[in-house]
Protein backbone atom coordinates (compact mmCIF):
# COMPACT_ATOMS: atom_id res chain seq x y z
CA MET A 1 -13.50 24.42 6.69
CA THR A 2 -16.01 21.27 7.46
CA LEU A 3 -14.83 18.38 8.98
CA GLU A 4 -14.82 16.36 6.17
CA ARG A 5 -12.71 18.79 3.94
CA ARG A 6 -10.34 18.27 6.81
CA ALA A 7 -10.57 14.45 6.38
CA GLU A 8 -10.25 14.58 3.00
CA PHE A 9 -6.65 16.70 3.81
CA LEU A 10 -5.72 14.45 5.67
CA LEU A 11 -5.75 12.03 3.51
CA LEU A 12 -4.06 13.52 0.70
CA PHE A 13 -0.91 14.20 3.23
CA THR A 14 -1.23 10.62 3.94
CA THR A 15 -1.01 9.45 -0.04
CA PHE A 16 2.22 12.08 0.49
CA CYS A 17 3.81 10.34 3.46
CA ALA A 18 3.12 6.68 1.63
CA SER A 19 5.12 7.85 -1.54
CA ALA A 20 7.34 9.92 0.45
CA GLY A 21 8.22 6.43 2.58
CA TRP A 22 9.50 4.76 -0.61
CA ILE A 23 12.30 6.97 -1.09
CA PHE A 24 13.33 6.85 1.92
CA SER A 25 13.03 3.48 2.17
CA LYS A 26 15.35 3.63 -1.06
CA GLU A 27 17.61 5.25 0.68
CA VAL A 28 18.04 3.22 4.61
CA ILE A 29 19.00 0.53 2.23
CA GLN A 30 22.09 2.12 0.93
CA GLY A 31 23.39 1.40 4.72
CA LEU A 32 21.08 -1.25 6.13
CA PRO A 33 20.11 -5.03 4.64
CA PRO A 34 16.43 -4.59 3.18
CA PHE A 35 14.44 -6.99 5.75
CA GLY A 36 16.02 -5.87 8.75
CA PHE A 37 15.44 -2.29 7.97
CA MET A 38 11.80 -3.50 7.62
CA GLY A 39 11.97 -5.04 10.70
CA LEU A 40 13.21 -2.33 12.49
CA ARG A 41 11.16 0.01 10.90
CA PHE A 42 8.19 -1.54 11.73
CA PHE A 43 9.06 -2.67 15.69
CA THR A 44 9.74 0.69 16.02
CA ALA A 45 6.30 1.75 15.06
CA SER A 46 4.58 -0.40 16.69
CA LEU A 47 6.32 0.73 19.76
CA ILE A 48 5.52 4.02 19.17
CA LEU A 49 1.66 3.36 18.92
CA LEU A 50 1.70 1.12 21.86
CA PRO A 51 0.95 3.38 24.75
CA PHE A 52 -2.35 3.77 22.67
CA CYS A 53 -3.76 0.79 22.85
CA PHE A 54 -3.04 -0.30 26.48
CA LYS A 55 -6.77 -0.02 27.11
CA HIS A 56 -7.89 -1.80 24.05
CA PHE A 57 -6.47 -4.97 25.44
CA LYS A 58 -8.82 -5.70 28.06
CA THR A 59 -11.96 -5.33 25.63
CA VAL A 60 -10.66 -8.03 23.13
CA ALA A 61 -10.77 -11.79 23.36
CA LEU A 62 -6.91 -13.44 22.82
CA GLY A 63 -8.26 -15.49 19.94
CA ASP A 64 -8.66 -12.06 18.51
CA VAL A 65 -5.46 -11.14 19.47
CA LEU A 66 -3.85 -14.41 17.63
CA ARG A 67 -6.03 -14.49 14.09
CA SER A 68 -5.22 -10.89 13.74
CA MET A 69 -1.39 -11.46 14.00
CA SER A 70 -2.07 -14.32 11.34
CA VAL A 71 -3.32 -11.41 8.90
CA GLY A 72 -0.43 -9.61 9.79
CA CYS A 73 1.31 -11.96 8.71
CA LEU A 74 0.18 -11.14 4.94
CA LEU A 75 1.07 -7.45 5.38
CA GLY A 76 4.49 -8.62 6.58
CA GLY A 77 4.44 -11.02 3.40
CA ALA A 78 3.65 -8.17 1.69
CA LEU A 79 6.24 -5.41 2.75
CA LEU A 80 9.12 -7.69 2.72
CA CYS A 81 8.15 -8.92 -1.04
CA TRP A 82 8.20 -5.19 -1.50
CA ILE A 83 11.58 -4.13 -0.33
CA TYR A 84 13.04 -6.35 -1.68
CA ALA A 85 11.49 -5.30 -4.90
CA ILE A 86 12.87 -2.00 -4.41
CA SER A 87 16.30 -3.31 -3.32
CA ILE A 88 16.32 -4.44 -6.86
CA SER A 89 14.76 -1.84 -8.92
CA ASP A 90 15.72 1.26 -10.02
CA THR A 91 12.05 2.17 -11.10
CA LEU A 92 9.89 3.82 -7.90
CA GLY A 93 7.22 4.78 -10.22
CA GLU A 94 6.78 2.01 -12.47
CA GLY A 95 6.73 0.06 -8.75
CA ALA A 96 4.26 2.01 -7.09
CA PHE A 97 1.95 1.72 -9.80
CA ILE A 98 1.79 -2.31 -10.25
CA MET A 99 1.41 -2.15 -6.39
CA SER A 100 -1.48 -0.14 -6.72
CA LEU A 101 -3.11 -2.99 -8.56
CA SER A 102 -3.88 -4.93 -5.57
CA VAL A 103 -6.77 -2.71 -5.76
CA LEU A 104 -8.08 -4.86 -8.91
CA LEU A 105 -6.73 -8.29 -7.41
CA ALA A 106 -8.90 -7.63 -3.97
CA PRO A 107 -11.64 -8.58 -5.88
CA LEU A 108 -10.60 -11.93 -7.47
CA VAL A 109 -9.02 -12.96 -4.41
CA ALA A 110 -12.48 -12.30 -2.54
CA TRP A 111 -14.22 -14.54 -5.28
CA VAL A 112 -11.32 -17.39 -4.82
CA LEU A 113 -11.81 -17.31 -1.21
CA PHE A 114 -14.99 -16.49 -0.52
CA LYS A 115 -17.42 -16.56 -3.73
CA HIS A 116 -18.05 -12.96 -3.85
CA LYS A 117 -18.55 -12.08 -7.20
CA PRO A 118 -16.96 -9.26 -8.80
CA VAL A 119 -18.93 -6.76 -9.71
CA ARG A 120 -19.81 -5.37 -13.33
CA GLU A 121 -17.04 -2.27 -12.56
CA PHE A 122 -14.23 -4.23 -12.02
CA TRP A 123 -14.42 -6.37 -14.79
CA LEU A 124 -14.92 -3.26 -17.29
CA SER A 125 -11.60 -1.72 -15.46
CA LEU A 126 -9.60 -4.94 -15.54
CA PRO A 127 -8.58 -4.99 -19.43
CA PHE A 128 -6.88 -1.37 -19.08
CA ALA A 129 -5.19 -2.42 -16.18
CA ILE A 130 -4.08 -5.65 -18.25
CA VAL A 131 -3.20 -3.38 -20.93
CA GLY A 132 -0.88 -1.54 -18.29
CA LEU A 133 1.07 -3.87 -17.61
CA MET A 134 1.88 -5.06 -20.67
CA LEU A 135 3.00 -1.74 -21.94
CA LEU A 136 5.32 -1.42 -18.83
CA SER A 137 7.16 -4.54 -19.76
CA LEU A 138 7.59 -3.10 -23.37
CA SER A 139 9.57 -0.29 -21.62
CA GLN A 140 12.05 -3.25 -20.94
CA GLY A 141 11.30 -4.69 -24.65
CA TRP A 142 8.60 -7.20 -23.44
CA GLN A 143 11.08 -8.82 -20.74
CA GLY A 144 9.54 -8.01 -17.61
CA SER A 145 11.73 -7.93 -14.62
CA ILE A 146 12.35 -9.50 -11.63
CA SER A 147 11.50 -6.42 -9.74
CA GLN A 148 8.12 -5.90 -11.38
CA LEU A 149 7.47 -9.85 -10.53
CA TRP A 150 8.13 -9.19 -6.81
CA PHE A 151 6.07 -6.11 -6.56
CA LEU A 152 3.12 -8.25 -7.98
CA LEU A 153 3.87 -10.67 -6.11
CA ALA A 154 3.75 -7.76 -2.75
CA ALA A 155 0.26 -6.34 -4.78
CA PHE A 156 -0.76 -10.21 -4.42
CA PHE A 157 -0.47 -10.58 -0.68
CA LEU A 158 -1.94 -6.52 0.07
CA ALA A 159 -4.94 -7.91 -2.00
CA LEU A 160 -5.00 -10.93 0.91
CA HIS A 161 -4.42 -9.01 3.72
CA PHE A 162 -7.00 -6.73 2.37
CA ASN A 163 -9.90 -9.43 2.04
CA PHE A 164 -9.25 -10.96 5.78
CA ASN A 165 -8.34 -7.47 7.43
CA SER A 166 -11.33 -5.79 6.32
CA ARG A 167 -13.27 -8.98 8.74
CA PHE A 168 -11.26 -8.04 11.34
CA ALA A 169 -11.42 -4.29 11.64
CA GLN A 170 -15.06 -4.45 12.13
CA ARG A 171 -14.24 -6.73 14.95
CA MET A 172 -11.51 -4.95 17.17
CA PRO A 173 -10.32 -1.39 17.94
CA VAL A 174 -8.86 -0.03 14.42
CA MET A 175 -5.37 0.98 16.53
CA LEU A 176 -4.72 -1.85 18.36
CA LEU A 177 -5.18 -3.85 14.80
CA THR A 178 -2.35 -1.60 13.40
CA CYS A 179 -0.03 -1.82 16.23
CA ILE A 180 -0.44 -5.54 16.33
CA GLN A 181 0.31 -5.77 12.34
CA LEU A 182 2.90 -3.93 12.50
CA PHE A 183 4.15 -5.39 15.38
CA VAL A 184 3.71 -9.29 13.29
CA THR A 185 5.99 -6.97 10.39
CA GLY A 186 8.86 -5.99 12.20
CA LEU A 187 8.96 -9.45 13.89
CA LEU A 188 8.94 -11.25 10.48
CA GLY A 189 11.54 -9.13 9.26
CA LEU A 190 13.66 -9.00 11.76
CA ILE A 191 13.45 -13.39 11.88
CA LEU A 192 14.43 -13.31 8.25
CA SER A 193 17.07 -10.91 8.13
CA LEU A 194 18.43 -13.29 10.99
CA PHE A 195 19.27 -15.86 9.03
CA VAL A 196 19.44 -14.37 5.29
CA GLU A 197 21.03 -11.07 5.68
CA THR A 198 24.89 -9.98 6.86
CA TRP A 199 24.58 -6.36 8.89
CA PRO A 200 27.62 -3.74 7.97
CA THR A 201 29.82 -3.55 11.13
CA THR A 202 29.56 0.41 10.59
CA ILE A 203 26.55 2.68 9.64
CA PRO A 204 26.47 6.00 8.59
CA PRO A 205 24.43 8.89 10.75
CA THR A 206 23.00 9.70 7.49
CA ILE A 207 21.45 6.16 6.82
CA TRP A 208 19.51 6.54 10.83
CA GLY A 209 18.12 10.16 9.79
CA TRP A 210 16.57 8.30 6.76
CA PHE A 211 15.59 5.36 9.49
CA ALA A 212 13.94 7.67 11.79
CA LEU A 213 11.89 9.41 8.70
CA SER A 214 10.68 6.14 7.75
CA VAL A 215 9.55 5.49 11.04
CA LEU A 216 7.99 8.55 12.10
CA PHE A 217 6.84 10.67 8.77
CA ALA A 218 6.14 6.74 6.73
CA THR A 219 4.71 4.23 9.11
CA SER A 220 3.40 6.04 12.05
CA LEU A 221 2.34 9.29 11.02
CA ARG A 222 0.81 8.05 7.89
CA TYR A 223 -1.05 5.13 9.64
CA LEU A 224 -2.68 7.76 12.21
CA THR A 225 -3.58 10.15 9.71
CA GLN A 226 -4.81 7.44 7.23
CA THR A 227 -7.25 6.15 10.73
CA MET A 228 -8.26 9.80 11.65
CA GLY A 229 -8.83 10.22 7.79
CA GLN A 230 -10.88 7.35 6.92
CA GLN A 231 -13.38 8.06 9.63
CA ARG A 232 -15.35 10.95 8.71
CA VAL A 233 -14.53 9.98 4.16
CA THR A 234 -16.49 7.84 2.97
CA ALA A 235 -15.00 4.71 1.49
CA ALA A 236 -15.48 5.58 -1.90
CA ASN A 237 -13.71 9.08 -1.02
CA ALA A 238 -11.10 7.87 0.58
CA ALA A 239 -10.23 4.82 -2.16
CA ILE A 240 -10.44 7.29 -4.92
CA ILE A 241 -7.99 9.88 -2.80
CA MET A 242 -5.40 7.06 -1.90
CA ILE A 243 -4.89 6.07 -5.83
CA LEU A 244 -2.64 9.58 -5.94
CA GLU A 245 -0.31 7.33 -3.84
CA PRO A 246 1.95 6.12 -7.32
CA ILE A 247 1.45 9.58 -8.76
CA TRP A 248 3.52 11.24 -6.13
CA THR A 249 5.95 8.26 -6.16
CA VAL A 250 6.37 9.02 -9.62
CA LEU A 251 7.55 12.44 -9.30
CA LEU A 252 9.41 11.92 -6.26
CA SER A 253 11.44 9.49 -8.25
CA ILE A 254 11.44 11.27 -11.13
CA LEU A 255 12.80 14.49 -8.92
CA TRP A 256 15.22 12.75 -6.13
CA TYR A 257 16.49 9.84 -8.60
CA LYS A 258 16.07 10.83 -12.59
CA GLU A 259 14.03 8.40 -12.91
CA ALA A 260 13.83 8.02 -17.10
CA MET A 261 9.95 7.86 -18.06
CA PRO A 262 9.84 6.40 -21.25
CA ALA A 263 6.38 7.27 -23.68
CA ALA A 264 5.56 3.02 -23.04
CA LYS A 265 6.02 3.61 -19.60
CA VAL A 266 4.06 6.53 -19.43
CA ILE A 267 1.43 5.47 -21.34
CA GLY A 268 1.53 1.90 -19.00
CA CYS A 269 1.49 4.07 -15.63
CA THR A 270 -1.28 6.07 -16.75
CA MET A 271 -3.22 2.99 -18.36
CA ILE A 272 -3.03 1.59 -14.66
CA LEU A 273 -4.32 4.65 -13.35
CA PHE A 274 -7.39 5.22 -15.74
CA SER A 275 -8.45 1.27 -14.71
CA LEU A 276 -8.35 2.36 -10.84
CA LEU A 277 -10.22 5.76 -11.31
CA LEU A 278 -12.81 3.75 -13.70
CA TYR A 279 -13.46 0.77 -10.88
CA ARG A 280 -13.22 3.48 -7.92
CA GLY A 281 -15.77 6.06 -9.78
CA LEU A 282 -17.99 3.31 -11.51
CA SER A 283 -18.44 2.18 -7.84
CA ASN A 284 -19.22 5.28 -6.01
CA PRO A 285 -22.95 5.71 -5.40
CA LYS A 286 -23.66 8.54 -6.37
CA ILE A 287 -22.14 8.39 -9.68
CA ARG A 288 -23.96 5.12 -10.21
CA ALA A 289 -27.17 7.09 -9.33
CA PHE A 290 -25.66 10.05 -11.65
CA LEU A 291 -25.27 7.29 -14.74
CA LYS A 292 -28.42 5.41 -14.12
CA ARG A 293 -30.28 8.83 -14.15
CA SER A 294 -28.61 10.08 -17.73
CA ASP A 295 -29.77 6.53 -19.04
CA LEU A 296 -33.22 7.03 -18.48
CA HIS A 297 -33.35 10.41 -19.85
CA SER A 298 -31.92 9.18 -22.84
CA SER A 299 -34.12 6.47 -23.09
């Protein structure tokens, strides 16, 4: 097996870890307050990664550390909106597909903030995503649920984070950048929980078991395998593999929570998935070259 093939399997495993994190999180917040859980989860995960980052602290400027912490606030905002949406939603699969729209929101954010006009492939795929969102609302009788809005807000924060984070990822070691941002996310969650949440007096041991899975499996191991996989896979191939996360999430939600999937919701999720595949596929240099050759032959 080639190194690239192994890296692709690592990314495939990453998508499963990420989707399992939806189930773990939903189970944990049955016994822990949502923001407090996210605070503990990401603070603990950052401590697990910290020993691997000590050597990098000497090689980066303090200003870069502070700027990466500010970008970590965007990640924290996204994940805190996400966990709140989960706490009020019974449709994790639907939420996963809405969250995946951050891939399409990122070019719009880049256009507004950095004057980077979206490519043609973006405009071709955007209508399918919009129709998909409308069909998801149709499953609620054209009344978009509050959780859908929070998932969409989380996707917007992720798009912001992607744009700013891509700039810092070129200037800082990836492991250190990840550790700092996980720490900031955890700190934000704990501070918010301190002001708006009440912790239970007793927490069942099973809740701590789910918490351990979310920290070790869905956070630390997930980010580690994602980093290792992305080192040997092209960005286009990695993006297409990562699109599998909402599909895994739907399957797990159906198996674990018996989530209902009416026709409108199935078609809506399919349209969103198609828009992502269309955008990522047409953005792949190999596919674009193939299409150009096909146009030349047909003419």
